[in-house]
Amino acid sequence: MATVRTYSPSVRVGNWREDVSLDEDSLKDFLHRKDRGELTLQKTTVLRQNILKPMKLSVSRDGFLRFGDTITLVNSGGTSLGLRDPCSLSIIADLSNMCSHPQTNSDPYLQGPCQVGGANSLKSCVRNTFVITCVDGTPDGDVLRYDQSFGLRTTSGFGGELYLASDHRTFQKCAKKSRLQEVSLVEQCDFQCWWRVVYFDPQERLEHEGYPVQVNCKVLISHCKTNQCLAALANHVLWTPFGKEYELTAHTFLDSHKAEQDSNHWLFVTADPGHEGQSLLQQQQVSTITNENGSHPKAITDTPGESER
């Protein structure tokens, strides 16, 4: 039978000295962890402050996407698989993904593998900002072309430089809700991290092979190994530490005309040259909200010169 403690430590009955020592040790351990920032509340605050830190996107002067550019990957939204607002490719991280080196007193950073989701917030931050990375030796600054392989990684620093990866689905490894091909962020860049940009219109796809990729235009992001396109699912919602978000997967959804549906349509969003603190998509959203005519927002178009909302 377990011993029931019927007296407080101030009453010197039984093993009172042992009880006092245990309470003192618990308080010292709590204060020590608080000074080192190891409490759960402190770690959660550090995670949110760092992952939601604003980031500056690259400015494309000629309208073309280049290796080394910092962008936000945005799904255009639509109604093919349910009503869906535009969403951005975002990191889903918790305390288990945050790492640091106490010996060197280094800043915390994210370690893989990490999940990804489609967040409705389009404001550029560490969580939804990615860098176009070469995988075939192409130097930074060169134009990315259709059907050319590239990698998509998170930013340096707290982002941890993780790479977007995918692989064939199995019974043990697949998307949580839809059970389709999983998409995640990993630390090592291999063939599973290779992607290519495909022109969204099947009738003009062949003519655009080898042409430079334009920013802020609808494209398809195809996985090189599995030949499946990145997709945002409106009918599968994930509960994350940052709220409800769409599940992202690598799967090509075709309509009756054998064309990819809008769940596979993505935009490489860059900063507005006139307002470098905002992306072009945010600037167009502000223009739509402040429109005095009160007209309905337009759908995101396929050309960079037209309004996207």
Protein backbone atom coordinates (compact mmCIF):
# COMPACT_ATOMS: atom_id res chain seq x y z
CA MET A 1 0.00 0.00 0.00
CA ALA A 2 1.36 3.40 -0.98
CA THR A 3 2.20 5.79 1.82
CA VAL A 4 -0.28 8.68 2.03
CA ARG A 5 1.21 12.00 3.05
CA THR A 6 -1.21 13.46 5.67
CA TYR A 7 1.01 16.25 7.02
CA SER A 8 2.71 19.23 5.39
CA PRO A 9 6.53 19.48 5.38
CA SER A 10 6.35 22.02 8.21
CA VAL A 11 5.18 19.23 10.51
CA ARG A 12 8.23 17.20 11.32
CA VAL A 13 6.68 13.77 11.20
CA GLY A 14 8.07 10.79 9.31
CA ASN A 15 10.52 11.55 6.48
CA TRP A 16 10.05 15.31 6.76
CA ARG A 17 13.65 16.09 5.84
CA GLU A 18 13.37 14.10 2.64
CA ASP A 19 10.17 15.93 1.66
CA VAL A 20 11.75 19.33 2.22
CA SER A 21 14.81 18.37 0.16
CA LEU A 22 12.65 17.13 -2.73
CA ASP A 23 10.67 20.38 -2.82
CA GLU A 24 13.86 22.45 -2.76
CA ASP A 25 15.37 20.37 -5.58
CA SER A 26 12.22 20.76 -7.68
CA LEU A 27 12.32 24.55 -7.25
CA LYS A 28 16.03 24.71 -8.12
CA ASP A 29 15.45 22.59 -11.24
CA PHE A 30 12.58 24.85 -12.33
CA LEU A 31 14.63 28.03 -11.86
CA HIS A 32 17.60 26.47 -13.67
CA ARG A 33 15.45 25.48 -16.68
CA LYS A 34 13.85 28.93 -16.68
CA ASP A 35 17.25 30.66 -16.82
CA ARG A 36 18.29 28.44 -19.75
CA GLY A 37 14.99 29.02 -21.58
CA GLU A 38 14.07 25.33 -21.52
CA LEU A 39 10.49 25.68 -20.26
CA THR A 40 7.76 24.60 -22.69
CA LEU A 41 6.15 28.03 -22.65
CA GLN A 42 9.47 29.70 -23.42
CA LYS A 43 10.24 27.30 -26.27
CA THR A 44 6.79 27.83 -27.78
CA THR A 45 7.26 31.60 -27.66
CA VAL A 46 10.67 31.36 -29.33
CA LEU A 47 9.25 29.07 -32.04
CA ARG A 48 6.40 31.41 -32.91
CA GLN A 49 8.55 34.54 -32.83
CA ASN A 50 11.17 33.07 -35.16
CA ILE A 51 8.95 31.20 -37.60
CA LEU A 52 6.61 34.18 -38.05
CA LYS A 53 9.43 36.68 -38.48
CA PRO A 54 8.84 38.80 -41.64
CA MET A 55 11.04 38.08 -44.65
CA LYS A 56 11.89 40.09 -47.76
CA LEU A 57 11.13 38.50 -51.11
CA SER A 58 13.29 38.91 -54.19
CA VAL A 59 12.38 41.56 -56.76
CA SER A 60 12.19 40.42 -60.38
CA ARG A 61 12.97 43.39 -62.61
CA ASP A 62 12.45 41.50 -65.88
CA GLY A 63 9.58 39.28 -64.69
CA PHE A 64 11.56 36.01 -64.82
CA LEU A 65 12.32 33.54 -62.03
CA ARG A 66 16.01 32.96 -61.26
CA PHE A 67 18.04 30.55 -59.18
CA GLY A 68 18.69 31.99 -55.73
CA ASP A 69 15.45 34.00 -55.66
CA THR A 70 13.50 34.12 -52.41
CA ILE A 71 9.83 33.54 -53.17
CA THR A 72 6.49 32.49 -51.71
CA LEU A 73 4.73 29.59 -53.43
CA VAL A 74 1.00 30.32 -53.56
CA ASN A 75 -1.83 28.10 -54.73
CA SER A 76 -4.32 30.10 -56.78
CA GLY A 77 -7.39 28.56 -55.15
CA GLY A 78 -10.56 27.46 -56.92
CA THR A 79 -13.65 25.27 -56.71
CA SER A 80 -12.71 22.03 -58.48
CA LEU A 81 -12.34 20.04 -55.25
CA GLY A 82 -14.40 22.30 -53.04
CA LEU A 83 -14.34 26.04 -52.41
CA ARG A 84 -10.75 26.99 -51.57
CA ASP A 85 -9.12 30.35 -50.93
CA PRO A 86 -5.54 31.01 -52.08
CA CYS A 87 -3.00 29.44 -49.74
CA SER A 88 0.77 29.43 -49.43
CA LEU A 89 3.17 26.53 -48.98
CA SER A 90 4.09 26.77 -45.28
CA ILE A 91 6.15 24.91 -42.70
CA ILE A 92 4.33 23.00 -39.97
CA ALA A 93 6.74 22.75 -37.04
CA ASP A 94 6.46 22.05 -33.33
CA LEU A 95 8.90 21.89 -30.43
CA SER A 96 10.27 18.54 -31.60
CA ASN A 97 11.54 20.23 -34.79
CA MET A 98 13.38 23.04 -32.99
CA CYS A 99 17.03 22.38 -32.22
CA SER A 100 20.01 24.32 -30.89
CA HIS A 101 23.52 23.70 -29.59
CA PRO A 102 23.70 24.66 -25.87
CA GLN A 103 27.48 24.15 -25.87
CA THR A 104 28.10 26.89 -28.43
CA ASN A 105 25.10 29.01 -27.38
CA SER A 106 23.93 29.10 -31.01
CA ASP A 107 20.58 30.37 -32.22
CA PRO A 108 17.77 27.80 -32.57
CA TYR A 109 16.90 26.37 -35.97
CA LEU A 110 14.52 23.83 -37.48
CA GLN A 111 15.53 20.25 -38.16
CA GLY A 112 13.79 17.78 -40.42
CA PRO A 113 11.64 16.07 -41.20
CA CYS A 114 8.91 18.72 -41.06
CA GLN A 115 5.38 18.67 -42.39
CA VAL A 116 4.02 21.27 -44.79
CA GLY A 117 0.54 22.72 -45.19
CA GLY A 118 -1.43 25.33 -47.09
CA ALA A 119 -1.85 28.42 -44.90
CA ASN A 120 -4.36 31.13 -45.77
CA SER A 121 -1.93 33.84 -44.64
CA LEU A 122 -0.01 35.16 -47.65
CA LYS A 123 2.22 37.55 -45.70
CA SER A 124 5.83 36.58 -46.32
CA CYS A 125 7.62 35.20 -43.25
CA VAL A 126 10.11 32.46 -42.41
CA ARG A 127 7.30 29.93 -42.45
CA ASN A 128 6.26 30.40 -46.10
CA THR A 129 9.44 31.78 -47.71
CA PHE A 130 11.56 29.48 -49.87
CA VAL A 131 14.67 29.75 -52.03
CA ILE A 132 15.02 28.43 -55.60
CA THR A 133 18.05 26.11 -55.47
CA CYS A 134 19.94 24.49 -58.34
CA VAL A 135 20.47 20.73 -58.44
CA ASP A 136 22.40 20.46 -61.72
CA GLY A 137 25.23 22.93 -61.13
CA THR A 138 23.48 25.99 -62.55
CA PRO A 139 24.90 29.13 -60.90
CA ASP A 140 22.71 31.51 -58.92
CA GLY A 141 21.31 34.34 -61.00
CA ASP A 142 20.57 32.24 -64.07
CA VAL A 143 17.00 32.06 -65.31
CA LEU A 144 14.94 29.00 -64.36
CA ARG A 145 13.34 27.44 -67.43
CA TYR A 146 10.35 25.18 -67.95
CA ASP A 147 11.14 21.45 -67.44
CA GLN A 148 14.47 22.31 -65.77
CA SER A 149 15.12 20.54 -62.47
CA PHE A 150 15.43 22.65 -59.33
CA GLY A 151 15.17 22.37 -55.56
CA LEU A 152 13.00 24.30 -53.15
CA ARG A 153 14.51 24.89 -49.70
CA THR A 154 13.72 26.94 -46.65
CA THR A 155 15.74 30.02 -45.74
CA SER A 156 18.96 29.94 -43.75
CA GLY A 157 19.05 30.71 -40.04
CA PHE A 158 15.97 29.53 -38.20
CA GLY A 159 14.60 27.99 -41.41
CA GLY A 160 17.29 25.33 -41.23
CA GLU A 161 17.74 25.08 -45.04
CA LEU A 162 15.37 22.12 -45.38
CA TYR A 163 14.41 20.79 -48.82
CA LEU A 164 10.92 20.05 -50.12
CA ALA A 165 10.80 16.32 -50.89
CA SER A 166 8.36 13.60 -51.86
CA ASP A 167 8.37 9.90 -52.72
CA HIS A 168 6.02 7.13 -53.79
CA ARG A 169 3.34 6.45 -51.21
CA THR A 170 3.39 3.29 -49.13
CA PHE A 171 1.22 1.86 -46.38
CA GLN A 172 3.59 3.32 -43.79
CA LYS A 173 4.32 6.66 -45.50
CA CYS A 174 1.55 8.71 -47.06
CA ALA A 175 -0.49 11.86 -46.48
CA LYS A 176 -2.34 11.85 -43.17
CA LYS A 177 -5.85 12.69 -44.40
CA SER A 178 -6.06 11.90 -48.10
CA ARG A 179 -3.63 8.93 -48.00
CA LEU A 180 -2.02 10.26 -51.18
CA GLN A 181 1.67 10.89 -51.84
CA GLU A 182 3.26 12.71 -48.91
CA VAL A 183 5.18 16.00 -49.18
CA SER A 184 7.61 17.01 -46.43
CA LEU A 185 10.80 18.93 -45.66
CA VAL A 186 14.05 16.99 -45.21
CA GLU A 187 17.65 17.91 -44.42
CA GLN A 188 19.46 16.07 -47.23
CA CYS A 189 19.01 17.08 -50.87
CA ASP A 190 18.72 14.03 -53.15
CA PHE A 191 16.64 12.98 -56.16
CA GLN A 192 13.50 13.01 -54.01
CA CYS A 193 13.96 16.81 -53.70
CA TRP A 194 14.03 17.48 -57.45
CA TRP A 195 11.11 19.40 -58.97
CA ARG A 196 10.42 20.99 -62.34
CA VAL A 197 8.11 23.73 -63.56
CA VAL A 198 5.52 22.74 -66.19
CA TYR A 199 3.41 25.15 -68.22
CA PHE A 200 -0.17 24.97 -66.96
CA ASP A 201 -1.92 24.82 -70.38
CA PRO A 202 -1.51 21.34 -71.93
CA GLN A 203 -2.12 22.65 -75.46
CA GLU A 204 0.84 25.06 -75.25
CA ARG A 205 3.09 22.97 -73.01
CA LEU A 206 5.38 21.65 -75.72
CA GLU A 207 5.99 25.12 -77.16
CA HIS A 208 7.08 26.48 -73.76
CA GLU A 209 9.73 23.85 -72.99
CA GLY A 210 13.04 25.60 -72.37
CA TYR A 211 11.49 29.07 -72.07
CA PRO A 212 12.12 31.18 -68.93
CA VAL A 213 9.58 30.82 -66.11
CA GLN A 214 7.65 34.01 -65.37
CA VAL A 215 6.90 35.04 -61.79
CA ASN A 216 3.36 35.53 -60.51
CA CYS A 217 1.93 33.29 -63.26
CA LYS A 218 0.08 29.98 -62.99
CA VAL A 219 2.37 26.98 -63.35
CA LEU A 220 2.52 23.33 -62.35
CA ILE A 221 5.17 22.04 -59.92
CA SER A 222 5.92 18.46 -60.95
CA HIS A 223 7.99 16.01 -58.90
CA CYS A 224 10.80 14.60 -61.04
CA LYS A 225 10.87 11.11 -59.50
CA THR A 226 7.14 10.35 -59.35
CA ASN A 227 5.86 12.75 -62.05
CA GLN A 228 3.09 13.92 -59.70
CA CYS A 229 2.16 17.60 -59.35
CA LEU A 230 2.07 19.51 -56.08
CA ALA A 231 -1.55 20.02 -54.98
CA ALA A 232 -3.55 21.75 -52.24
CA LEU A 233 -6.64 19.86 -51.03
CA ALA A 234 -9.62 21.88 -49.87
CA ASN A 235 -11.58 18.87 -48.61
CA HIS A 236 -8.79 17.74 -46.27
CA VAL A 237 -8.04 20.16 -43.44
CA LEU A 238 -5.20 19.78 -40.93
CA TRP A 239 -5.24 21.11 -37.38
CA THR A 240 -1.81 22.65 -36.79
CA PRO A 241 -0.25 24.84 -34.06
CA PHE A 242 -0.98 27.75 -36.43
CA GLY A 243 -4.65 26.95 -37.03
CA LYS A 244 -6.57 25.07 -39.73
CA GLU A 245 -4.68 24.56 -42.99
CA TYR A 246 -5.15 22.67 -46.22
CA GLU A 247 -3.33 19.40 -46.68
CA LEU A 248 -0.64 19.45 -49.38
CA THR A 249 0.21 16.38 -51.40
CA ALA A 250 1.90 15.35 -54.63
CA HIS A 251 -0.92 14.17 -56.88
CA THR A 252 -2.09 15.24 -60.32
CA PHE A 253 -5.83 15.94 -60.52
CA LEU A 254 -7.18 15.83 -64.09
CA ASP A 255 -10.54 17.04 -65.37
CA SER A 256 -12.61 15.52 -68.18
CA HIS A 257 -10.35 17.19 -70.77
CA LYS A 258 -7.18 15.63 -69.30
CA ALA A 259 -6.04 19.03 -68.02
CA GLU A 260 -4.74 19.67 -64.52
CA GLN A 261 -7.27 21.17 -62.16
CA ASP A 262 -6.78 24.41 -60.24
CA SER A 263 -5.66 22.52 -57.14
CA ASN A 264 -2.39 21.92 -59.04
CA HIS A 265 -1.95 25.56 -60.12
CA TRP A 266 0.77 27.50 -58.27
CA LEU A 267 2.41 30.91 -58.49
CA PHE A 268 5.97 31.95 -57.66
CA VAL A 269 5.22 35.22 -55.86
CA THR A 270 7.95 37.86 -55.61
CA ALA A 271 8.10 41.36 -54.12
CA ASP A 272 6.54 44.36 -55.80
CA PRO A 273 9.31 46.57 -57.31
CA GLY A 274 7.43 49.68 -56.17
CA HIS A 275 6.74 48.36 -52.66
CA GLU A 276 9.50 45.91 -51.80
CA GLY A 277 8.00 45.33 -48.36
CA GLN A 278 4.97 43.67 -49.98
CA SER A 279 4.51 40.93 -52.52
CA LEU A 280 2.68 41.56 -55.77
CA LEU A 281 -0.18 39.37 -54.57
CA GLN A 282 -0.58 41.39 -51.35
CA GLN A 283 -0.48 44.65 -53.28
CA GLN A 284 -3.25 43.45 -55.57
CA GLN A 285 -5.31 42.31 -52.59
CA VAL A 286 -5.04 45.78 -51.08
CA SER A 287 -6.14 47.32 -54.37
CA THR A 288 -9.14 44.99 -54.50
CA ILE A 289 -10.21 45.80 -50.93
CA THR A 290 -9.93 49.57 -51.46
CA ASN A 291 -11.90 49.46 -54.72
CA GLU A 292 -14.77 51.92 -54.32
CA ASN A 293 -16.94 50.24 -56.93
CA GLY A 294 -17.44 47.21 -54.67
CA SER A 295 -17.07 44.73 -57.51
CA HIS A 296 -16.33 41.10 -56.81
CA PRO A 297 -12.65 40.15 -56.74
CA LYS A 298 -11.39 38.63 -59.95
CA ALA A 299 -9.79 35.20 -60.07
CA ILE A 300 -6.04 34.97 -60.30
CA THR A 301 -5.12 35.22 -63.96
CA ASP A 302 -2.46 33.57 -66.04
CA THR A 303 -0.50 36.64 -67.19
CA PRO A 304 1.71 38.75 -64.91
CA GLY A 305 0.28 42.05 -66.06
CA GLU A 306 -3.31 41.35 -65.08
CA SER A 307 -4.93 41.44 -61.65
CA GLU A 308 -4.66 38.16 -59.81
CA ARG A 309 -7.53 38.56 -57.47
